[in-house]
Amino acid sequence: MMTPTPSKRSFVVSYDETTEKLSVCALKDSDLAPLRGSEVVADWPLASINYELGEDVARRLGITALSILALYHPSLKPMLKVSLQVPPLPDDTPAGQ
């Protein structure tokens, strides 16, 4: 018996101020598609991270998610205790190095 292929899904991180909890849920990509044109979207082309989903990418993704939540839920801002060290882009590297 073949196992059915699950539908393609994305994850969403949300914050509920009433219960003071973060939630992660999976939504069908087809349900999310109509929202992508009207909401904040931060695309991360895989080529820009050399097709590697490692510790640095996971950290940046997590910090980005929490930072966006804090924009819309200001009560989270004082709780953010992370900083993102952005590596210099190739054009930012001083000549001769």
N, C-alpha and C. Protein backbone atom coordinates (compact mmCIF):
# COMPACT_ATOMS: atom_id res chain seq x y z
N MET A 1 0.84 -1.18 0.00
CA MET A 1 0.00 0.00 0.00
C MET A 1 0.89 1.25 0.00
N MET A 2 0.62 2.17 -0.90
CA MET A 2 1.42 3.38 -0.99
C MET A 2 0.92 4.43 0.01
N THR A 3 1.88 5.09 0.61
CA THR A 3 1.53 6.18 1.52
C THR A 3 1.20 7.41 0.69
N PRO A 4 0.08 8.06 0.96
CA PRO A 4 -0.27 9.25 0.18
C PRO A 4 0.74 10.38 0.43
N THR A 5 1.02 11.14 -0.62
CA THR A 5 1.92 12.28 -0.50
C THR A 5 1.16 13.42 0.14
N PRO A 6 1.70 13.98 1.23
CA PRO A 6 0.99 15.09 1.87
C PRO A 6 0.99 16.33 0.96
N SER A 7 -0.03 17.16 1.11
CA SER A 7 -0.08 18.39 0.32
C SER A 7 1.05 19.32 0.78
N LYS A 8 1.52 20.14 -0.12
CA LYS A 8 2.60 21.07 0.19
C LYS A 8 2.09 22.08 1.22
N ARG A 9 2.91 22.33 2.23
CA ARG A 9 2.51 23.22 3.32
C ARG A 9 3.64 24.16 3.68
N SER A 10 3.26 25.26 4.29
CA SER A 10 4.20 26.24 4.84
C SER A 10 3.87 26.39 6.31
N PHE A 11 4.80 26.99 7.05
CA PHE A 11 4.51 27.19 8.46
C PHE A 11 4.34 28.67 8.75
N VAL A 12 3.53 28.94 9.77
CA VAL A 12 3.25 30.30 10.21
C VAL A 12 3.52 30.34 11.71
N VAL A 13 4.19 31.41 12.15
CA VAL A 13 4.41 31.64 13.57
C VAL A 13 3.48 32.78 13.98
N SER A 14 2.70 32.58 15.02
CA SER A 14 1.80 33.63 15.48
C SER A 14 1.95 33.82 16.98
N TYR A 15 1.42 34.94 17.46
CA TYR A 15 1.47 35.26 18.88
C TYR A 15 0.08 35.66 19.34
N ASP A 16 -0.36 35.09 20.44
CA ASP A 16 -1.65 35.41 21.03
C ASP A 16 -1.39 36.17 22.32
N GLU A 17 -1.72 37.46 22.33
CA GLU A 17 -1.45 38.29 23.52
C GLU A 17 -2.31 37.87 24.70
N THR A 18 -3.52 37.40 24.46
CA THR A 18 -4.42 37.02 25.55
C THR A 18 -3.86 35.85 26.34
N THR A 19 -3.37 34.83 25.64
CA THR A 19 -2.83 33.65 26.32
C THR A 19 -1.32 33.71 26.49
N GLU A 20 -0.71 34.77 25.92
CA GLU A 20 0.75 34.95 25.97
C GLU A 20 1.49 33.70 25.51
N LYS A 21 1.16 33.27 24.28
CA LYS A 21 1.86 32.11 23.75
C LYS A 21 2.15 32.29 22.27
N LEU A 22 3.26 31.71 21.87
CA LEU A 22 3.61 31.62 20.45
C LEU A 22 3.03 30.31 19.92
N SER A 23 2.59 30.33 18.69
CA SER A 23 2.07 29.12 18.07
C SER A 23 2.70 28.97 16.69
N VAL A 24 2.97 27.74 16.33
CA VAL A 24 3.45 27.42 14.98
C VAL A 24 2.42 26.47 14.39
N CYS A 25 1.99 26.80 13.18
CA CYS A 25 1.03 25.91 12.52
C CYS A 25 1.40 25.77 11.06
N ALA A 26 0.90 24.72 10.45
CA ALA A 26 1.14 24.46 9.03
C ALA A 26 -0.13 24.78 8.26
N LEU A 27 0.04 25.49 7.17
CA LEU A 27 -1.08 25.82 6.28
C LEU A 27 -0.78 25.28 4.90
N LYS A 28 -1.82 24.86 4.20
CA LYS A 28 -1.64 24.43 2.82
C LYS A 28 -1.11 25.61 2.00
N ASP A 29 -0.12 25.35 1.16
CA ASP A 29 0.42 26.41 0.31
C ASP A 29 -0.69 27.06 -0.51
N SER A 30 -1.66 26.26 -0.95
CA SER A 30 -2.75 26.81 -1.76
C SER A 30 -3.62 27.78 -0.96
N ASP A 31 -3.73 27.57 0.36
CA ASP A 31 -4.49 28.50 1.21
C ASP A 31 -3.70 29.78 1.50
N LEU A 32 -2.40 29.65 1.51
CA LEU A 32 -1.52 30.79 1.81
C LEU A 32 -1.31 31.68 0.59
N ALA A 33 -1.38 31.12 -0.59
CA ALA A 33 -1.08 31.84 -1.84
C ALA A 33 -1.85 33.16 -1.98
N PRO A 34 -3.14 33.21 -1.70
CA PRO A 34 -3.86 34.48 -1.88
C PRO A 34 -3.37 35.60 -0.95
N LEU A 35 -2.79 35.25 0.17
CA LEU A 35 -2.32 36.25 1.13
C LEU A 35 -0.96 36.84 0.76
N ARG A 36 -0.19 36.12 -0.01
CA ARG A 36 1.17 36.56 -0.33
C ARG A 36 1.22 37.89 -1.08
N GLY A 37 0.18 38.22 -1.80
CA GLY A 37 0.18 39.47 -2.55
C GLY A 37 -0.19 40.68 -1.70
N SER A 38 -0.78 40.46 -0.53
CA SER A 38 -1.27 41.59 0.27
C SER A 38 -0.60 41.71 1.63
N GLU A 39 0.29 40.84 1.96
CA GLU A 39 0.93 40.86 3.28
C GLU A 39 2.45 40.99 3.15
N VAL A 40 3.11 41.17 4.27
CA VAL A 40 4.57 41.27 4.29
C VAL A 40 5.16 39.91 3.90
N VAL A 41 6.02 39.93 2.91
CA VAL A 41 6.68 38.70 2.46
C VAL A 41 8.18 39.00 2.37
N ALA A 42 8.98 38.16 2.98
CA ALA A 42 10.44 38.28 2.91
C ALA A 42 10.96 37.02 2.22
N ASP A 43 11.29 37.14 0.96
CA ASP A 43 11.79 35.98 0.21
C ASP A 43 13.27 35.77 0.49
N TRP A 44 13.67 34.52 0.59
CA TRP A 44 15.06 34.12 0.79
C TRP A 44 15.42 33.15 -0.33
N PRO A 45 15.95 33.64 -1.45
CA PRO A 45 16.33 32.71 -2.53
C PRO A 45 17.37 31.70 -2.01
N LEU A 46 17.14 30.43 -2.26
CA LEU A 46 18.07 29.40 -1.78
C LEU A 46 19.47 29.59 -2.35
N ALA A 47 19.59 30.13 -3.56
CA ALA A 47 20.91 30.37 -4.13
C ALA A 47 21.72 31.35 -3.27
N SER A 48 21.03 32.30 -2.62
CA SER A 48 21.74 33.29 -1.81
C SER A 48 22.34 32.68 -0.54
N ILE A 49 21.90 31.48 -0.18
CA ILE A 49 22.46 30.79 0.99
C ILE A 49 23.14 29.48 0.57
N ASN A 50 23.53 29.45 -0.70
CA ASN A 50 24.26 28.30 -1.25
C ASN A 50 23.52 26.97 -1.06
N TYR A 51 22.21 27.02 -1.07
CA TYR A 51 21.38 25.81 -0.95
C TYR A 51 21.71 25.01 0.31
N GLU A 52 22.09 25.72 1.38
CA GLU A 52 22.39 25.07 2.66
C GLU A 52 21.48 25.61 3.74
N LEU A 53 20.76 24.72 4.38
CA LEU A 53 19.87 25.10 5.47
C LEU A 53 20.51 24.70 6.79
N GLY A 54 21.53 25.43 7.18
CA GLY A 54 22.30 25.12 8.39
C GLY A 54 21.94 26.01 9.57
N GLU A 55 22.82 25.97 10.58
CA GLU A 55 22.61 26.71 11.83
C GLU A 55 22.44 28.21 11.60
N ASP A 56 23.29 28.80 10.76
CA ASP A 56 23.21 30.25 10.53
C ASP A 56 21.88 30.64 9.89
N VAL A 57 21.43 29.86 8.93
CA VAL A 57 20.16 30.16 8.27
C VAL A 57 19.01 29.98 9.27
N ALA A 58 19.06 28.93 10.07
CA ALA A 58 18.01 28.70 11.06
C ALA A 58 17.95 29.85 12.06
N ARG A 59 19.10 30.32 12.48
CA ARG A 59 19.15 31.44 13.42
C ARG A 59 18.58 32.70 12.78
N ARG A 60 19.00 33.00 11.56
CA ARG A 60 18.50 34.19 10.87
C ARG A 60 17.00 34.11 10.64
N LEU A 61 16.51 32.93 10.27
CA LEU A 61 15.08 32.75 10.04
C LEU A 61 14.30 32.97 11.33
N GLY A 62 14.79 32.40 12.42
CA GLY A 62 14.12 32.57 13.71
C GLY A 62 14.11 34.01 14.18
N ILE A 63 15.24 34.68 14.04
CA ILE A 63 15.32 36.09 14.44
C ILE A 63 14.41 36.94 13.57
N THR A 64 14.37 36.65 12.28
CA THR A 64 13.49 37.39 11.38
C THR A 64 12.04 37.19 11.78
N ALA A 65 11.65 35.96 12.05
CA ALA A 65 10.26 35.67 12.44
C ALA A 65 9.89 36.41 13.72
N LEU A 66 10.75 36.36 14.73
CA LEU A 66 10.46 37.03 16.00
C LEU A 66 10.44 38.54 15.84
N SER A 67 11.33 39.07 15.02
CA SER A 67 11.37 40.52 14.80
C SER A 67 10.10 41.01 14.11
N ILE A 68 9.62 40.25 13.13
CA ILE A 68 8.38 40.63 12.45
C ILE A 68 7.20 40.55 13.42
N LEU A 69 7.15 39.50 14.24
CA LEU A 69 6.08 39.42 15.23
C LEU A 69 6.11 40.63 16.17
N ALA A 70 7.30 41.05 16.57
CA ALA A 70 7.43 42.18 17.50
C ALA A 70 6.99 43.50 16.86
N LEU A 71 7.10 43.61 15.54
CA LEU A 71 6.60 44.81 14.86
C LEU A 71 5.09 44.95 15.05
N TYR A 72 4.40 43.84 14.96
CA TYR A 72 2.94 43.85 15.04
C TYR A 72 2.40 43.60 16.44
N HIS A 73 3.26 43.14 17.34
CA HIS A 73 2.90 42.91 18.74
C HIS A 73 3.98 43.58 19.60
N PRO A 74 3.88 44.90 19.81
CA PRO A 74 4.92 45.64 20.52
C PRO A 74 5.25 45.10 21.92
N SER A 75 4.33 44.38 22.54
CA SER A 75 4.62 43.83 23.87
C SER A 75 5.76 42.81 23.82
N LEU A 76 6.07 42.28 22.63
CA LEU A 76 7.17 41.32 22.50
C LEU A 76 8.54 42.00 22.42
N LYS A 77 8.58 43.28 22.01
CA LYS A 77 9.86 43.96 21.78
C LYS A 77 10.81 43.87 22.98
N PRO A 78 10.36 44.16 24.20
CA PRO A 78 11.31 44.08 25.32
C PRO A 78 11.78 42.65 25.62
N MET A 79 11.09 41.66 25.10
CA MET A 79 11.48 40.27 25.33
C MET A 79 12.55 39.79 24.36
N LEU A 80 12.70 40.49 23.22
CA LEU A 80 13.69 40.07 22.22
C LEU A 80 15.09 40.28 22.78
N LYS A 81 15.82 39.23 22.93
CA LYS A 81 17.19 39.28 23.48
C LYS A 81 18.16 38.66 22.49
N VAL A 82 17.94 38.93 21.21
CA VAL A 82 18.78 38.36 20.16
C VAL A 82 19.29 39.49 19.28
N SER A 83 20.40 39.23 18.65
CA SER A 83 20.91 40.18 17.67
C SER A 83 21.37 39.38 16.46
N LEU A 84 21.27 40.01 15.34
CA LEU A 84 21.63 39.35 14.09
C LEU A 84 22.89 39.98 13.55
N GLN A 85 23.95 39.20 13.48
CA GLN A 85 25.20 39.64 12.89
C GLN A 85 25.11 39.35 11.40
N VAL A 86 24.90 40.38 10.62
CA VAL A 86 24.77 40.20 9.18
C VAL A 86 26.16 40.18 8.56
N PRO A 87 26.51 39.08 7.87
CA PRO A 87 27.83 39.02 7.25
C PRO A 87 27.93 40.05 6.13
N PRO A 88 29.12 40.59 5.90
CA PRO A 88 29.25 41.58 4.82
C PRO A 88 29.00 40.93 3.46
N LEU A 89 28.40 41.72 2.59
CA LEU A 89 28.21 41.26 1.22
C LEU A 89 29.54 41.33 0.50
N PRO A 90 29.73 40.56 -0.56
CA PRO A 90 31.02 40.60 -1.29
C PRO A 90 31.45 42.01 -1.66
N ASP A 91 30.52 42.89 -2.04
CA ASP A 91 30.87 44.25 -2.43
C ASP A 91 31.29 45.10 -1.23
N ASP A 92 30.98 44.66 0.00
CA ASP A 92 31.33 45.42 1.21
C ASP A 92 32.74 45.09 1.72
N THR A 93 33.36 44.08 1.18
CA THR A 93 34.68 43.66 1.65
C THR A 93 35.72 44.69 1.16
N PRO A 94 36.53 45.24 2.10
CA PRO A 94 37.53 46.22 1.69
C PRO A 94 38.49 45.63 0.65
N ALA A 95 38.94 46.46 -0.27
CA ALA A 95 39.86 46.03 -1.32
C ALA A 95 41.14 45.51 -0.70
N GLY A 96 41.68 44.46 -1.28
CA GLY A 96 42.95 43.88 -0.80
C GLY A 96 42.76 42.82 0.26
N GLN A 97 41.55 42.53 0.62
CA GLN A 97 41.34 41.49 1.64
C GLN A 97 40.76 40.25 1.02
